[in-house]
Amino acid sequence: MNLEIFIMKNNIDCLFVHSDSSTNAYQALSNKFSGIEPPTWSLLLAESCRSKGFNVSILDCCAEKLSQEESVKRISNIKPKLTLFVVYGQNPNAGTTSMIGATGLAKMLYESEIDTHISFVGSHISALPKQVLELDYVDSILLNEGVYALWNLLKSNLNYEDLKKIKGIGWKDKDNNKFINPPEKIVPQERMDIDLPGYAWDLLPSHSRPLDLYRSHVWHANFNESLRTPYAAIYTSLGCVYGCEFCMINIVNRTDNSESVSSGDSRIMRFWSVKWVLKQFKILRELGVKTIRISDEMFLLNHNYYVPICEGLKNADYGLHMWAYSRVDSAREKLLNLVRESGIKWLALGIEAGSQMVRQEVSKGSFKEINIRKINSMINQHDINIIANYIVGFPEDTYSSMTSTLNLALELNSEMMNVYPCQALPGSPLYIKAMREGWELPKLYEEFAFLSYECKPLPTKTLSSAEVLEFRDYFWKTYFKNPAYLRKVESKFGITQRKNVEEMANNNLKRKVLGS
């Protein structure tokens, strides 16, 4: 039976919508080089709701490359009781960027006068709930991760008498008065396997086999197109114990409606059981997926947790091709062989800056004094590739300090590199500081997207926003056109892969603040 006909015949309590912001966020890079990631939180929330007996579906506009008009038509045919825009980005810090597509589609849906309740959930919503509720086309919002609030919303008749009783939501009455209800708890550690019981992979669109509309980032596949799909991304834990100034990831843990609450006030990690995690990998292999991202913010932080997972994956011998995050000061040499044997072939390291002083400042002193060069070499010696992440334009940055970061990147010459201009992202401690001190902040969602035409990073104490962005783009070009780097790519991955990198490096991003 046609999926749309099936949905129409089975009243949908909640349609989870993953909108498309890729063209605005990535410019020409979205055509080939950026990833198309499964909507992880839509999958988690959908399975959670199904476990409570609700009838749900997922509309992934990004994977299906649907226009806004096509998406509205789909929603009109489905006729869901609740249309929930789940606003998270491929990059955990990209929740605000994902508002580009979500708000555009929600506005068109609202103007079409389809009889559905429009709600939003996600990191940007938890950061700025009142601002999102002010949008004419938003009927309600869910705070934090929204699990329990969503269950209660779907149990209700969505009338004003019901809405005012539901914890963890914001809503409007018939006179357009706005209300933020008392907070709801997040899923506690002891309920993780029960209340977030898995991923609703079967609800995703596909072409000829599961997850074939999704693709990894080109580097994750060793710059080899044949490895990019099918592709999946999963969490084995949620949250982070650190409070870096530039990061807003923990804002989805927020259980305090007070003003000026940031992700730094919501630091917590929760873990699914090892048994649960290994079951998810088994499911993905049965679906034919080998290329997987472990999306945890700190997968290699707690060895008591990740070691049994890696042992289980090693013993299962799935032949996985994975990447995961690690802090530069948490990679343990004695465990790297196990990490590699489990299928993790790339580690993403947050090096951030060339200056130890800058790293200490933005991470609130949580970085240990370490030898980054030694860590880099140690990981490579265990046949694990590195994607190094750098940030330029911290408040204390100068041309000299940013140049030292570039020089460190060129010296380390890791297999892949990302460089971001510093942004005061909504939900981060830096955003609260910027608001308190009256710094100029972006007014458009697009201005928070570091690869977008409208990108507008923070100025530093000595450099303008345009100067920071110009240096970021110079950094990126310099790295990927560096002969030593290109020789390394060719040596490790092959001549075809080197040509893919050269093609990527020849993409010239247009920038409004630079007059291009």
Protein backbone atom coordinates (compact mmCIF):
# COMPACT_ATOMS: atom_id res chain seq x y z
CA MET A 1 0.00 0.00 0.00
CA ASN A 2 1.21 3.52 -0.80
CA LEU A 3 2.69 5.10 2.36
CA GLU A 4 0.66 8.31 2.04
CA ILE A 5 -2.60 6.35 1.62
CA PHE A 6 -1.69 4.23 4.66
CA ILE A 7 -1.04 7.35 6.72
CA MET A 8 -4.30 8.99 5.62
CA LYS A 9 -6.26 5.90 6.70
CA ASN A 10 -4.58 5.81 10.08
CA ASN A 11 -5.14 9.01 12.02
CA ILE A 12 -1.73 10.47 12.86
CA ASP A 13 -1.38 11.85 16.36
CA CYS A 14 1.97 13.50 15.64
CA LEU A 15 3.93 14.20 12.48
CA PHE A 16 7.61 14.91 13.18
CA VAL A 17 8.95 17.34 10.59
CA HIS A 18 12.61 17.69 9.69
CA SER A 19 12.78 20.76 7.46
CA ASP A 20 15.52 21.62 4.98
CA SER A 21 17.96 24.46 5.70
CA SER A 22 20.87 23.06 3.69
CA THR A 23 21.02 25.45 0.73
CA ASN A 24 20.96 28.53 2.96
CA ALA A 25 23.33 27.03 5.51
CA TYR A 26 25.95 25.41 3.24
CA GLN A 27 25.66 27.25 -0.10
CA ALA A 28 27.17 25.19 -2.97
CA LEU A 29 28.75 22.71 -0.52
CA SER A 30 25.26 21.27 0.07
CA ASN A 31 25.24 19.81 -3.46
CA LYS A 32 27.87 17.19 -2.75
CA PHE A 33 30.18 17.67 0.21
CA SER A 34 27.90 18.17 3.20
CA GLY A 35 26.19 15.22 4.84
CA ILE A 36 22.48 14.38 4.86
CA GLU A 37 21.94 13.10 8.35
CA PRO A 38 18.98 11.11 9.66
CA PRO A 39 16.83 13.27 11.98
CA THR A 40 18.08 11.66 15.20
CA TRP A 41 15.76 13.41 17.63
CA SER A 42 12.70 12.89 15.43
CA LEU A 43 13.56 9.18 15.45
CA LEU A 44 13.98 9.08 19.23
CA LEU A 45 10.80 11.04 19.96
CA ALA A 46 8.76 9.06 17.43
CA GLU A 47 9.78 5.72 18.96
CA SER A 48 9.14 7.11 22.44
CA CYS A 49 5.61 8.13 21.44
CA ARG A 50 4.95 4.78 19.74
CA SER A 51 5.90 3.04 22.98
CA LYS A 52 2.97 4.88 24.57
CA GLY A 53 0.51 3.85 21.86
CA PHE A 54 0.48 7.02 19.77
CA ASN A 55 0.30 6.84 15.97
CA VAL A 56 3.17 8.86 14.51
CA SER A 57 5.02 9.53 11.28
CA ILE A 58 8.13 11.43 10.09
CA LEU A 59 8.41 13.86 7.19
CA ASP A 60 12.05 14.41 6.25
CA CYS A 61 11.99 17.29 3.78
CA CYS A 62 15.79 17.38 3.63
CA ALA A 63 16.31 13.73 2.66
CA GLU A 64 13.50 13.82 0.10
CA LYS A 65 14.56 17.25 -1.17
CA LEU A 66 11.00 18.53 -0.91
CA SER A 67 10.15 22.14 -1.65
CA GLN A 68 8.10 23.99 0.94
CA GLU A 69 5.06 23.73 -1.32
CA GLU A 70 5.49 19.97 -1.66
CA SER A 71 5.97 19.65 2.10
CA VAL A 72 2.77 21.57 2.86
CA LYS A 73 0.87 19.34 0.43
CA ARG A 74 2.22 16.24 2.20
CA ILE A 75 1.17 17.57 5.60
CA SER A 76 -2.25 18.48 4.21
CA ASN A 77 -2.73 14.90 2.98
CA ILE A 78 -1.54 13.39 6.27
CA LYS A 79 -3.74 15.66 8.43
CA PRO A 80 -1.86 15.16 11.71
CA LYS A 81 -3.38 16.23 14.99
CA LEU A 82 -0.01 17.77 15.92
CA THR A 83 2.72 18.87 13.52
CA LEU A 84 5.98 19.03 15.48
CA PHE A 85 9.00 20.76 13.97
CA VAL A 86 12.02 19.05 15.50
CA VAL A 87 14.79 21.63 15.23
CA TYR A 88 18.26 20.17 15.58
CA GLY A 89 21.25 20.46 13.26
CA GLN A 90 23.83 18.02 11.87
CA ASN A 91 26.35 19.87 13.95
CA PRO A 92 25.11 19.76 17.57
CA ASN A 93 25.68 23.51 17.75
CA ALA A 94 23.50 24.17 14.69
CA GLY A 95 20.04 24.27 16.26
CA THR A 96 19.62 27.97 15.49
CA THR A 97 20.74 27.42 11.90
CA SER A 98 18.03 24.78 11.50
CA MET A 99 15.41 27.41 12.29
CA ILE A 100 15.91 28.71 8.73
CA GLY A 101 13.96 25.89 7.12
CA ALA A 102 11.66 25.23 10.06
CA THR A 103 10.27 28.75 10.28
CA GLY A 104 9.89 29.08 6.51
CA LEU A 105 7.89 25.87 6.24
CA ALA A 106 5.86 26.48 9.40
CA LYS A 107 4.84 29.92 8.14
CA MET A 108 3.65 28.49 4.82
CA LEU A 109 1.82 25.70 6.64
CA TYR A 110 0.10 28.23 8.91
CA GLU A 111 -0.95 30.39 5.95
CA SER A 112 -2.42 27.33 4.20
CA GLU A 113 -4.96 27.09 7.06
CA ILE A 114 -4.56 23.34 7.43
CA ASP A 115 -6.22 22.09 10.61
CA THR A 116 -3.16 21.04 12.60
CA HIS A 117 -1.56 22.26 15.81
CA ILE A 118 1.95 23.59 15.02
CA SER A 119 4.58 23.04 17.69
CA PHE A 120 8.38 23.41 17.89
CA VAL A 121 11.00 21.56 19.92
CA GLY A 122 14.81 21.74 19.88
CA SER A 123 17.87 23.48 21.19
CA HIS A 124 17.07 26.96 19.87
CA ILE A 125 13.58 26.69 21.34
CA SER A 126 14.98 25.78 24.76
CA ALA A 127 17.41 28.69 24.51
CA LEU A 128 14.89 31.36 23.47
CA PRO A 129 11.40 29.99 24.23
CA LYS A 130 9.65 33.35 24.44
CA GLN A 131 11.04 34.54 21.12
CA VAL A 132 9.93 31.39 19.32
CA LEU A 133 6.47 31.55 20.91
CA GLU A 134 6.12 35.11 19.57
CA LEU A 135 6.09 33.76 16.00
CA ASP A 136 2.54 34.00 14.62
CA TYR A 137 2.64 30.53 13.11
CA VAL A 138 3.71 28.70 16.27
CA ASP A 139 0.86 27.40 18.45
CA SER A 140 3.03 25.89 21.17
CA ILE A 141 6.60 25.02 22.06
CA LEU A 142 8.18 22.17 24.00
CA LEU A 143 10.98 23.02 26.42
CA ASN A 144 14.14 20.92 26.90
CA GLU A 145 14.07 17.57 25.07
CA GLY A 146 10.30 17.51 25.40
CA VAL A 147 9.68 13.78 25.96
CA TYR A 148 7.15 13.96 28.78
CA ALA A 149 5.61 17.24 27.64
CA LEU A 150 4.97 15.68 24.23
CA TRP A 151 3.28 12.61 25.71
CA ASN A 152 0.97 14.85 27.71
CA LEU A 153 0.31 17.13 24.75
CA LEU A 154 -0.79 14.15 22.65
CA LYS A 155 -3.02 12.86 25.46
CA SER A 156 -4.81 16.23 25.54
CA ASN A 157 -7.45 17.76 23.31
CA LEU A 158 -5.08 20.70 22.63
CA ASN A 159 -7.62 23.15 24.05
CA TYR A 160 -6.69 26.00 26.37
CA GLU A 161 -7.92 24.24 29.49
CA ASP A 162 -5.64 21.30 28.70
CA LEU A 163 -2.63 23.34 27.61
CA LYS A 164 -2.42 25.34 30.81
CA LYS A 165 -2.00 22.13 32.82
CA ILE A 166 0.86 20.61 30.82
CA LYS A 167 4.33 21.11 32.27
CA GLY A 168 7.23 21.94 29.98
CA ILE A 169 5.39 23.80 27.23
CA GLY A 170 4.71 27.35 26.09
CA TRP A 171 1.36 28.20 24.47
CA LYS A 172 -1.07 30.94 23.41
CA ASP A 173 -4.72 31.53 24.25
CA LYS A 174 -7.46 32.78 21.91
CA ASP A 175 -6.43 36.40 22.59
CA ASN A 176 -2.82 35.61 21.65
CA ASN A 177 -1.58 35.91 25.23
CA LYS A 178 1.60 33.86 25.73
CA PHE A 179 2.28 31.52 28.63
CA ILE A 180 5.34 29.50 29.65
CA ASN A 181 4.25 26.69 31.97
CA PRO A 182 6.38 25.31 34.83
CA PRO A 183 9.24 23.12 33.58
CA GLU A 184 9.05 19.39 33.02
CA LYS A 185 11.86 17.01 33.96
CA ILE A 186 14.19 15.43 31.44
CA VAL A 187 14.35 11.65 31.15
CA PRO A 188 16.29 10.47 34.24
CA GLN A 189 19.17 8.03 33.97
CA GLU A 190 17.16 5.11 35.30
CA ARG A 191 14.42 5.62 32.67
CA MET A 192 16.60 6.06 29.56
CA ASP A 193 16.08 2.56 28.10
CA ILE A 194 12.37 2.69 28.95
CA ASP A 195 11.23 6.17 27.96
CA LEU A 196 13.62 6.58 25.01
CA PRO A 197 13.46 2.94 23.86
CA GLY A 198 15.01 3.25 20.40
CA TYR A 199 14.92 4.78 16.93
CA ALA A 200 11.96 4.64 14.54
CA TRP A 201 14.12 3.79 11.52
CA ASP A 202 11.16 2.29 9.64
CA LEU A 203 9.49 5.72 9.45
CA LEU A 204 12.28 7.23 7.34
CA PRO A 205 11.96 7.63 3.56
CA SER A 206 14.16 5.55 1.26
CA HIS A 207 14.76 4.92 -2.41
CA SER A 208 15.55 1.22 -2.80
CA ARG A 209 16.95 0.19 0.61
CA PRO A 210 16.84 1.55 4.19
CA LEU A 211 18.68 4.82 4.86
CA ASP A 212 19.88 5.19 1.26
CA LEU A 213 18.68 8.80 1.09
CA TYR A 214 21.21 9.69 3.78
CA ARG A 215 24.91 10.27 3.23
CA SER A 216 27.90 10.84 5.47
CA HIS A 217 30.18 13.83 5.23
CA VAL A 218 32.64 13.23 2.40
CA TRP A 219 35.64 12.97 4.75
CA HIS A 220 33.94 10.37 6.99
CA ALA A 221 33.87 8.12 3.93
CA ASN A 222 37.62 8.66 3.40
CA PHE A 223 36.62 11.02 0.55
CA ASN A 224 35.22 7.95 -1.22
CA GLU A 225 31.70 8.39 -2.60
CA SER A 226 30.93 4.66 -2.48
CA LEU A 227 31.13 4.60 1.33
CA ARG A 228 28.80 7.54 2.00
CA THR A 229 25.46 5.75 1.90
CA PRO A 230 23.50 4.14 3.50
CA TYR A 231 24.30 6.18 6.57
CA ALA A 232 23.04 6.59 10.12
CA ALA A 233 23.85 8.60 13.24
CA ILE A 234 23.02 7.55 16.79
CA TYR A 235 23.54 8.62 20.38
CA THR A 236 24.76 6.27 23.08
CA SER A 237 24.63 9.05 25.69
CA LEU A 238 23.17 12.54 25.97
CA GLY A 239 24.73 15.75 27.22
CA CYS A 240 28.13 16.90 28.42
CA VAL A 241 29.70 17.57 31.83
CA TYR A 242 31.62 20.64 30.65
CA GLY A 243 30.55 24.27 30.25
CA CYS A 244 32.57 25.76 27.38
CA GLU A 245 31.56 29.36 26.74
CA PHE A 246 30.88 28.92 23.02
CA CYS A 247 28.77 25.75 23.33
CA MET A 248 24.97 25.51 23.72
CA ILE A 249 24.56 21.73 23.54
CA ASN A 250 23.37 21.25 27.14
CA ILE A 251 20.53 23.76 26.78
CA VAL A 252 18.19 20.85 25.90
CA ASN A 253 18.68 19.70 29.51
CA ARG A 254 17.14 22.93 30.78
CA THR A 255 14.65 22.51 33.62
CA ASP A 256 14.73 26.10 34.89
CA ASN A 257 12.59 28.82 33.30
CA SER A 258 14.56 31.65 34.92
CA GLU A 259 15.98 34.33 32.65
CA SER A 260 19.64 34.09 31.61
CA VAL A 261 19.88 30.32 32.01
CA SER A 262 22.55 28.91 29.68
CA SER A 263 23.85 25.48 28.74
CA GLY A 264 26.52 25.98 31.40
CA ASP A 265 23.76 25.78 34.02
CA SER A 266 22.43 22.51 32.62
CA ARG A 267 25.50 20.24 32.57
CA ILE A 268 24.58 16.61 32.85
CA MET A 269 25.30 13.34 31.06
CA ARG A 270 22.89 10.42 30.82
CA PHE A 271 23.68 7.01 29.36
CA TRP A 272 21.67 4.26 27.80
CA SER A 273 22.64 0.77 28.92
CA VAL A 274 25.37 -1.07 27.03
CA LYS A 275 22.80 -3.75 26.11
CA TRP A 276 20.51 -1.09 24.60
CA VAL A 277 23.38 0.48 22.63
CA LEU A 278 24.58 -2.81 21.17
CA LYS A 279 21.01 -3.62 20.16
CA GLN A 280 20.85 -0.38 18.13
CA PHE A 281 24.02 -1.27 16.25
CA LYS A 282 22.67 -4.75 15.55
CA ILE A 283 19.49 -3.22 14.11
CA LEU A 284 21.50 -0.92 11.84
CA ARG A 285 23.65 -3.76 10.54
CA GLU A 286 20.50 -5.78 9.80
CA LEU A 287 19.31 -2.75 7.81
CA GLY A 288 22.56 -2.86 5.82
CA VAL A 289 24.25 0.19 7.38
CA LYS A 290 27.99 0.24 8.07
CA THR A 291 28.80 3.97 7.87
CA ILE A 292 27.73 5.42 11.22
CA ARG A 293 28.35 8.51 13.27
CA ILE A 294 28.35 8.26 17.07
CA SER A 295 26.88 11.66 17.89
CA ASP A 296 27.68 11.74 21.63
CA GLU A 297 29.34 14.97 22.64
CA MET A 298 31.95 13.03 24.64
CA PHE A 299 31.94 9.38 23.59
CA LEU A 300 35.51 8.74 24.82
CA LEU A 301 35.07 10.50 28.14
CA ASN A 302 33.99 7.68 30.48
CA HIS A 303 36.00 4.52 29.81
CA ASN A 304 33.81 2.50 32.18
CA TYR A 305 31.00 3.13 29.70
CA TYR A 306 32.57 3.14 26.25
CA VAL A 307 34.94 0.18 26.77
CA PRO A 308 32.16 -2.45 27.05
CA ILE A 309 30.44 -0.90 24.03
CA CYS A 310 33.64 -1.11 22.00
CA GLU A 311 34.26 -4.67 23.22
CA GLY A 312 30.76 -5.67 22.16
CA LEU A 313 31.22 -4.12 18.70
CA LYS A 314 34.64 -5.73 18.30
CA ASN A 315 33.23 -9.16 19.16
CA ALA A 316 30.27 -8.68 16.81
CA ASP A 317 32.72 -7.90 13.98
CA TYR A 318 30.24 -5.80 12.02
CA GLY A 319 32.85 -4.20 9.77
CA LEU A 320 31.67 -0.71 10.74
CA HIS A 321 33.10 2.56 9.46
CA MET A 322 32.42 5.07 12.24
CA TRP A 323 33.51 8.38 13.72
CA ALA A 324 33.11 9.73 17.22
CA TYR A 325 34.00 12.78 19.32
CA SER A 326 36.82 12.92 21.84
CA ARG A 327 38.35 15.69 23.90
CA VAL A 328 42.04 16.07 23.20
CA ASP A 329 42.74 15.32 26.86
CA SER A 330 40.57 12.20 27.19
CA ALA A 331 42.05 9.88 24.53
CA ARG A 332 43.76 7.00 26.36
CA GLU A 333 46.56 5.28 24.47
CA LYS A 334 46.01 1.88 26.08
CA LEU A 335 42.42 1.85 24.78
CA LEU A 336 42.94 3.16 21.24
CA ASN A 337 43.50 -0.29 19.74
CA LEU A 338 40.12 -1.36 21.10
CA VAL A 339 38.50 1.83 19.80
CA ARG A 340 39.88 1.11 16.32
CA GLU A 341 38.89 -2.57 16.42
CA SER A 342 35.32 -1.60 17.31
CA GLY A 343 35.02 0.19 13.96
CA ILE A 344 35.82 3.79 14.94
CA LYS A 345 38.17 4.94 12.20
CA TRP A 346 37.88 8.70 12.74
CA LEU A 347 38.03 10.78 15.93
CA ALA A 348 36.85 14.37 16.00
CA LEU A 349 39.06 16.43 18.32
CA GLY A 350 38.08 19.84 19.64
CA ILE A 351 41.48 21.52 19.55
CA GLU A 352 39.75 24.92 19.21
CA ALA A 353 42.77 27.24 19.40
CA GLY A 354 46.54 27.24 19.01
CA SER A 355 46.95 29.05 22.31
CA GLN A 356 46.63 27.11 25.57
CA MET A 357 45.59 30.37 27.23
CA VAL A 358 42.69 30.85 24.80
CA ARG A 359 41.59 27.21 25.28
CA GLN A 360 41.60 27.64 29.05
CA GLU A 361 39.61 30.86 28.81
CA VAL A 362 36.79 29.54 26.60
CA SER A 363 36.55 26.16 28.35
CA LYS A 364 36.43 27.67 31.84
CA GLY A 365 39.75 26.08 32.69
CA SER A 366 38.52 22.53 32.09
CA PHE A 367 41.26 21.69 29.57
CA LYS A 368 44.29 20.04 31.10
CA GLU A 369 47.76 21.17 30.07
CA ILE A 370 48.52 18.70 27.29
CA ASN A 371 50.83 18.18 24.35
CA ILE A 372 48.44 18.31 21.40
CA ARG A 373 51.15 17.25 18.97
CA LYS A 374 51.78 14.10 21.02
CA ILE A 375 48.06 13.29 21.21
CA ASN A 376 47.70 13.75 17.46
CA SER A 377 50.62 11.42 16.74
CA MET A 378 49.43 8.85 19.28
CA ILE A 379 45.99 8.56 17.69
CA ASN A 380 47.43 8.26 14.17
CA GLN A 381 49.78 5.51 15.34
CA HIS A 382 46.71 3.41 16.10
CA ASP A 383 45.46 3.81 12.51
CA ILE A 384 42.73 6.27 13.48
CA ASN A 385 42.17 9.35 11.33
CA ILE A 386 41.62 12.75 12.91
CA ILE A 387 39.22 15.54 12.07
CA ALA A 388 40.50 18.52 14.03
CA ASN A 389 38.07 21.30 14.95
CA TYR A 390 39.30 24.86 15.35
CA ILE A 391 37.61 28.16 16.19
CA VAL A 392 38.84 31.63 15.29
CA GLY A 393 37.46 34.92 16.57
CA PHE A 394 37.22 34.28 20.29
CA PRO A 395 36.82 37.56 22.21
CA GLU A 396 40.53 37.61 23.09
CA ASP A 397 41.71 36.59 19.61
CA THR A 398 44.03 38.76 17.53
CA TYR A 399 45.53 38.21 14.09
CA SER A 400 48.56 36.85 15.87
CA SER A 401 46.65 34.29 17.96
CA MET A 402 44.48 33.22 15.01
CA THR A 403 47.61 32.79 12.91
CA SER A 404 49.09 30.56 15.62
CA THR A 405 45.94 28.41 15.37
CA LEU A 406 46.38 28.16 11.59
CA ASN A 407 50.06 27.31 12.00
CA LEU A 408 49.21 24.56 14.48
CA ALA A 409 46.65 23.14 12.04
CA LEU A 410 49.20 23.11 9.22
CA GLU A 411 51.77 21.47 11.47
CA LEU A 412 49.42 18.74 12.71
CA ASN A 413 48.20 18.19 9.14
CA SER A 414 45.32 15.98 10.26
CA GLU A 415 43.33 13.99 7.72
CA MET A 416 40.46 16.49 7.96
CA MET A 417 39.89 19.87 9.55
CA ASN A 418 36.97 22.19 10.30
CA VAL A 419 37.42 25.84 11.26
CA TYR A 420 34.53 27.85 12.65
CA PRO A 421 34.19 31.58 13.25
CA CYS A 422 33.19 32.16 16.86
CA GLN A 423 29.48 32.72 17.34
CA ALA A 424 27.56 33.65 20.46
CA LEU A 425 25.03 30.87 19.89
CA PRO A 426 21.66 31.17 21.67
CA GLY A 427 21.80 29.00 24.77
CA SER A 428 25.56 29.32 25.23
CA PRO A 429 27.20 31.18 28.14
CA LEU A 430 28.80 33.44 25.52
CA TYR A 431 25.34 34.48 24.28
CA ILE A 432 24.26 35.45 27.80
CA LYS A 433 27.49 37.41 28.21
CA ALA A 434 26.99 39.16 24.87
CA MET A 435 23.43 40.15 25.81
CA ARG A 436 24.54 41.39 29.22
CA GLU A 437 27.37 43.48 27.78
CA GLY A 438 25.45 44.81 24.80
CA TRP A 439 27.49 43.20 22.02
CA GLU A 440 26.02 43.28 18.54
CA LEU A 441 24.41 39.92 17.77
CA PRO A 442 22.95 38.42 14.59
CA LYS A 443 19.30 39.19 13.94
CA LEU A 444 18.71 36.46 11.34
CA TYR A 445 19.04 32.71 11.74
CA GLU A 446 21.19 32.64 8.60
CA GLU A 447 23.73 34.92 10.27
CA PHE A 448 24.52 32.17 12.79
CA ALA A 449 25.35 29.64 10.02
CA PHE A 450 29.12 29.68 9.59
CA LEU A 451 29.06 28.61 5.93
CA SER A 452 26.13 30.79 4.86
CA TYR A 453 26.21 33.91 2.69
CA GLU A 454 24.78 35.94 5.58
CA CYS A 455 27.22 34.61 8.24
CA LYS A 456 27.99 37.29 10.81
CA PRO A 457 30.35 36.06 13.54
CA LEU A 458 31.24 37.89 16.73
CA PRO A 459 33.84 40.63 16.48
CA THR A 460 36.78 40.32 18.86
CA LYS A 461 38.15 43.07 21.06
CA THR A 462 40.45 44.10 18.20
CA LEU A 463 38.90 42.66 15.01
CA SER A 464 35.62 43.29 13.21
CA SER A 465 33.13 40.60 12.31
CA ALA A 466 34.19 40.86 8.66
CA GLU A 467 37.88 40.50 9.55
CA VAL A 468 37.19 37.35 11.56
CA LEU A 469 35.18 35.79 8.73
CA GLU A 470 37.77 36.74 6.12
CA PHE A 471 40.48 35.04 8.21
CA ARG A 472 38.31 31.95 8.69
CA ASP A 473 37.89 31.55 4.92
CA TYR A 474 41.60 32.19 4.35
CA PHE A 475 42.39 29.53 6.98
CA TRP A 476 40.13 26.99 5.22
CA LYS A 477 41.58 27.61 1.76
CA THR A 478 45.16 27.60 3.01
CA TYR A 479 44.71 24.25 4.72
CA PHE A 480 43.00 22.37 1.91
CA LYS A 481 45.27 23.74 -0.80
CA ASN A 482 48.41 22.99 1.22
CA PRO A 483 50.64 20.62 -0.86
CA ALA A 484 51.64 18.67 2.25
CA TYR A 485 48.00 18.01 3.06
CA LEU A 486 47.12 16.98 -0.50
CA ARG A 487 50.08 14.59 -0.58
CA LYS A 488 48.86 13.04 2.67
CA VAL A 489 45.34 12.54 1.30
CA GLU A 490 46.69 10.93 -1.87
CA SER A 491 49.04 8.71 0.09
CA LYS A 492 46.40 7.51 2.58
CA PHE A 493 43.25 7.44 0.47
CA GLY A 494 44.22 7.60 -3.22
CA ILE A 495 44.43 9.96 -6.18
CA THR A 496 40.66 10.02 -6.75
CA GLN A 497 40.16 11.07 -3.15
CA ARG A 498 42.76 13.82 -3.55
CA LYS A 499 40.82 15.14 -6.54
CA ASN A 500 37.65 15.17 -4.44
CA VAL A 501 39.44 17.33 -1.86
CA GLU A 502 40.73 19.66 -4.58
CA GLU A 503 37.19 20.01 -5.93
CA MET A 504 35.93 20.81 -2.42
CA ALA A 505 38.66 23.42 -1.89
CA ASN A 506 37.71 25.17 -5.13
CA ASN A 507 34.25 26.04 -3.78
CA ASN A 508 34.31 29.77 -3.12
CA LEU A 509 31.83 30.77 -0.45
CA LYS A 510 30.08 34.09 -1.02
CA ARG A 511 29.95 36.37 2.01
CA LYS A 512 27.69 39.36 2.47
CA VAL A 513 29.90 41.11 5.03
CA LEU A 514 32.86 40.75 2.64
CA GLY A 515 30.95 42.22 -0.30
CA SER A 516 31.08 39.01 -2.37
